[in-house]
Amino acid sequence: MRDALERQRHILDFTIASLLRRKGKNGSLLAVYTLIIFILASVLFFTHALKREATEVLRETPEIIVQRTMTGRYQPIPLAYADRIRDIRGVITVQPRLWGYYYDGNFLANYTLVVPREDPPEPGKIDIGSGISRIREAYPGDIIGFTGHDGKPRNFSIRKILSDESQLISADLILISEADYRDFSGISADQATDLVLRVRNPKEYTTIAEKITRLLPDSRPIVRTEILRTYDAVFSWRSGLVIVIFSAAALAFVIFAWDKATGLSAEERREIGILKAVGWETSDVLQMKFWEGSAISLTAFLLGMILAYAHVFFASSFLFAPVLKGWSTLYPQFRLVPYVNFGHVAAIFFLTVVPYTVTTIVPSWRAATIDPDAVMR
């Protein structure tokens, strides 16, 4: 037992010495290895956390939204449509909504205008999101102007800045009264932007949507699950785009790992030959190489995961967040709730650590099974 422990100690000591002798090569490998894991983990952490945040926010979205289209373009929907939809069995309530977008050419930003159902601003006043307040340097009591549908300016007094806690959905938001919105947008009093429905049985969403389409052929019902699937697809596509952008670094690592698998350097072969000559067994050599590969791969894995976690949840993913968030200048400044999917962690581990560790053992086994004299010659 003591001899076995002593042997293990010698193997570990020689493994550390071997790593230090080639510290330049191992250091560069560790840096590339850590970078690959950092990129993969950052993208997965950020995308998954953003999906989870969006799911929580969209959980309160209307069960069914009914829009009106004309030749594929959205149009204001007549309020008379609400009365016809209310007659469909299973529909509890139908409420019209007023909202839209405004492009600010001076600041190259899109704003979202919404008429709230509860506590709307008085005519002539608006509530704005923190993103708008930041870029326009506007605060409660200030006067802010926008150009209406007829090209004439409208001035509004800022009632308040919306809470920072809701930046994900309110950074570009403007809350406005119904009278001001209709005057600003030109939408008539008998029309709304869309209709939102509450349904008694969630299993009947699709059925009711089909009934609405048959009843009102120019309408387009959108079920909540469709919205969730759309956001999921958008985030997945953008995360894939980031991975493709950084695929050159991944390709460099794959080439390096393949080089490790195809053979050892002359120095490493000579080292194995000397170890065999002084009495090391093949199993001892393989164990040493296993510990070498494990030390590098596990260190890179831990460093990459820790750096990715800090980058996403403490540094707001500053390296590639614009690609995943979109093009708007009104990026919400918020911190994602730390959440790690251990399935993703396991996938990264088995796709990076395990293959590299195996590639360090295979060529070492080939060299260790050759006669020591032949290896050293």
Foldseek 3Di string as FASTA:
>chain_A
DVVVVVLVVVLVVVLVVVCVVPVVVLVVLLVLLLVLLLLLLLLVQQLVLVLVVVCVVLVPPFQKKKFFDDPRHTDWAFLVLQVVLVPDPFWDHKDFWAKDWDADPVQRFIAIEGADPPPADDAQEKEAEQLCCVVVVDAAQDKDWDQAPVRHIRIHGYHGYDDLVPLVPGLRYMHHHPVVRCVRHVDDPRTGRIMGTDGNDSVCSVVSQVVSCVVPVRMHMDGSVNVSVVSSVLLVVLSVVSCVVCVVSVVVSVVVLVVLLVADDLVVLLVLLVCVVVPDALVSQLVSLLVNLLVSNVVSLVSSNVSSQCCVQPVVVVPCVCSNPDPGPSDRPDGRDRDDDVVSSVVSCCVRSVSSSVSSRNNSSVSNVDNSVVSND
